[in-house]
C-alpha atoms as a PDB file:
ATOM      1  CA  MET A   1      73.100  23.233  -1.825  1.00  0.00           C
ATOM      2  CA  CYS A   2      70.903  25.584  -3.757  1.00  0.00           C
ATOM      3  CA  LEU A   3      68.224  22.909  -4.099  1.00  0.00           C
ATOM      4  CA  ALA A   4      68.187  22.313  -0.333  1.00  0.00           C
ATOM      5  CA  MET A   5      67.752  26.049   0.327  1.00  0.00           C
ATOM      6  CA  ARG A   6      64.857  26.189  -2.105  1.00  0.00           C
ATOM      7  CA  ILE A   7      63.142  23.248  -0.427  1.00  0.00           C
ATOM      8  CA  ILE A   8      63.556  24.799   3.022  1.00  0.00           C
ATOM      9  CA  LEU A   9      62.305  28.164   1.745  1.00  0.00           C
ATOM     10  CA  LEU A  10      59.255  26.584   0.081  1.00  0.00           C
ATOM     11  CA  ALA A  11      58.426  24.540   3.184  1.00  0.00           C
ATOM     12  CA  THR A  12      58.671  27.597   5.405  1.00  0.00           C
ATOM     13  CA  ALA A  13      56.610  29.716   3.022  1.00  0.00           C
ATOM     14  CA  SER A  14      53.904  27.072   2.738  1.00  0.00           C
ATOM     15  CA  LEU A  15      53.602  26.801   6.515  1.00  0.00           C
ATOM     16  CA  THR A  16      53.358  30.549   7.042  1.00  0.00           C
ATOM     17  CA  LEU A  17      51.005  31.132   4.136  1.00  0.00           C
ATOM     18  CA  SER A  18      48.648  28.338   5.131  1.00  0.00           C
ATOM     19  CA  GLY A  19      47.538  30.392   8.142  1.00  0.00           C
ATOM     20  CA  CYS A  20      46.813  33.383   5.924  1.00  0.00           C
ATOM     21  CA  ILE A  21      44.904  31.252   3.438  1.00  0.00           C
ATOM     22  CA  ALA A  22      42.851  29.631   6.181  1.00  0.00           C
ATOM     23  CA  ARG A  23      42.052  33.016   7.720  1.00  0.00           C
ATOM     24  CA  THR A  24      41.023  34.392   4.329  1.00  0.00           C
ATOM     25  CA  ALA A  25      38.786  31.374   3.746  1.00  0.00           C
ATOM     26  CA  VAL A  26      37.093  31.909   7.112  1.00  0.00           C
ATOM     27  CA  ASP A  27      36.593  35.586   6.317  1.00  0.00           C
ATOM     28  CA  LEU A  28      35.044  34.759   2.951  1.00  0.00           C
ATOM     29  CA  VAL A  29      32.707  32.180   4.458  1.00  0.00           C
ATOM     30  CA  THR A  30      31.514  34.434   7.284  1.00  0.00           C
ATOM     31  CA  LEU A  31      31.174  37.564   5.134  1.00  0.00           C
ATOM     32  CA  PRO A  32      27.598  36.862   3.920  1.00  0.00           C
ATOM     33  CA  VAL A  33      26.480  36.075   7.475  1.00  0.00           C
ATOM     34  CA  ARG A  34      27.946  39.324   8.804  1.00  0.00           C
ATOM     35  CA  ALA A  35      26.447  41.296   5.916  1.00  0.00           C
ATOM     36  CA  ALA A  36      22.999  39.816   6.548  1.00  0.00           C
ATOM     37  CA  GLY A  37      23.304  40.555  10.257  1.00  0.00           C
ATOM     38  CA  ALA A  38      24.244  44.161   9.550  1.00  0.00           C
ATOM     39  CA  GLY A  39      21.248  44.472   7.237  1.00  0.00           C
ATOM     40  CA  VAL A  40      18.889  43.129   9.883  1.00  0.00           C
ATOM     41  CA  ASP A  41      20.375  45.496  12.481  1.00  0.00           C
ATOM     42  CA  ALA A  42      19.877  48.423  10.119  1.00  0.00           C
ATOM     43  CA  LEU A  43      16.240  47.524   9.479  1.00  0.00           C
ATOM     44  CA  THR A  44      15.184  46.765  13.036  1.00  0.00           C
ATOM     45  CA  THR A  45      14.925  49.165  15.946  1.00  0.00           C
ATOM     46  CA  SER A  46      15.721  48.092  19.463  1.00  0.00           C
ATOM     47  CA  GLN A  47      13.528  49.174  22.356  1.00  0.00           C
ATOM     48  CA  ALA A  48      16.289  51.453  23.644  1.00  0.00           C
ATOM     49  CA  GLU A  49      16.573  53.156  20.251  1.00  0.00           C
ATOM     50  CA  ALA A  50      12.812  53.592  20.082  1.00  0.00           C
ATOM     51  CA  ASP A  51      12.797  55.099  23.578  1.00  0.00           C
ATOM     52  CA  GLN A  52      15.594  57.491  22.672  1.00  0.00           C
ATOM     53  CA  ARG A  53      13.805  58.570  19.499  1.00  0.00           C
ATOM     54  CA  ARG A  54      10.544  59.145  21.373  1.00  0.00           C
ATOM     55  CA  GLY A  55      12.330  61.148  24.074  1.00  0.00           C
ATOM     56  CA  ARG A  56      13.985  63.285  21.417  1.00  0.00           C
ATOM     57  CA  GLU A  57      10.640  63.910  19.719  1.00  0.00           C
ATOM     58  CA  ILE A  58       9.085  64.937  23.042  1.00  0.00           C
ATOM     59  CA  ARG A  59      11.969  67.316  23.842  1.00  0.00           C
ATOM     60  CA  GLU A  60      11.770  68.893  20.385  1.00  0.00           C
ATOM     61  CA  ALA A  61       7.998  69.351  20.726  1.00  0.00           C
ATOM     62  CA  GLU A  62       8.454  70.982  24.143  1.00  0.00           C
ATOM     63  CA  GLU A  63      11.104  73.303  22.704  1.00  0.00           C
ATOM     64  CA  ARG A  64       8.756  74.308  19.861  1.00  0.00           C
ATOM     65  CA  GLU A  65       5.937  74.965  22.349  1.00  0.00           C
ATOM     66  CA  GLY A  66       8.287  77.054  24.492  1.00  0.00           C
ATOM     67  CA  ARG A  67       9.378  79.141  21.505  1.00  0.00           C
ATOM     68  CA  GLU A  68       5.763  79.691  20.494  1.00  0.00           C
ATOM     69  CA  ALA A  69       4.790  80.704  24.044  1.00  0.00           C
ATOM     70  CA  ARG A  70       7.687  83.183  24.228  1.00  0.00           C
ATOM     71  CA  ARG A  71       6.732  84.590  20.812  1.00  0.00           C
ATOM     72  CA  ARG A  72       3.087  85.041  21.905  1.00  0.00           C
ATOM     73  CA  GLU A  73       4.190  86.752  25.138  1.00  0.00           C
ATOM     74  CA  ARG A  74       6.495  89.084  23.213  1.00  0.00           C
ATOM     75  CA  GLU A  75       3.737  89.959  20.744  1.00  0.00           C
ATOM     76  CA  ALA A  76       1.307  90.590  23.607  1.00  0.00           C
ATOM     77  CA  ARG A  77       3.813  92.927  25.311  1.00  0.00           C
ATOM     78  CA  GLU A  78       4.436  94.776  22.050  1.00  0.00           C
ATOM     79  CA  GLN A  79       0.710  95.101  21.457  1.00  0.00           C
ATOM     80  CA  ALA A  80       0.213  96.389  25.006  1.00  0.00           C
ATOM     81  CA  GLU A  81       2.975  98.971  24.489  1.00  0.00           C
ATOM     82  CA  GLN A  82       1.434 100.104  21.204  1.00  0.00           C
ATOM     83  CA  ASP A  83      -1.958 100.438  22.886  1.00  0.00           C
ATOM     84  CA  SER A  84      -0.508 102.504  25.714  1.00  0.00           C
ATOM     85  CA  ASP A  85       1.466 104.741  23.305  1.00  0.00           C
ATOM     86  CA  GLU A  86      -1.577 105.652  21.200  1.00  0.00           C
ATOM     87  CA  PRO A  87      -3.116 108.942  22.118  1.00  0.00           C
ATOM     88  CA  GLN A  88      -6.368 108.557  23.967  1.00  0.00           C
ATOM     89  CA  ARG A  89      -9.391 110.286  22.518  1.00  0.00           C
END
């Protein structure tokens, strides 16, 4: 009786584990392909990514220009106030 239970247990275990082993083998075989694909994706830039990057660069440049323009206007106002506050000779 004990021998029959062992045989049934081994047969059941081998059937259930064979799926896991096959899945692991597939994962191991496809791993280098997925790794190479990820490397290529990391090194290449799609057109959409390039467009996004260029748009971001343009927005940042416009923001810098706006800050500079506001700074120049502020300095001009301050200079005008200093000129008007000086006593006239």
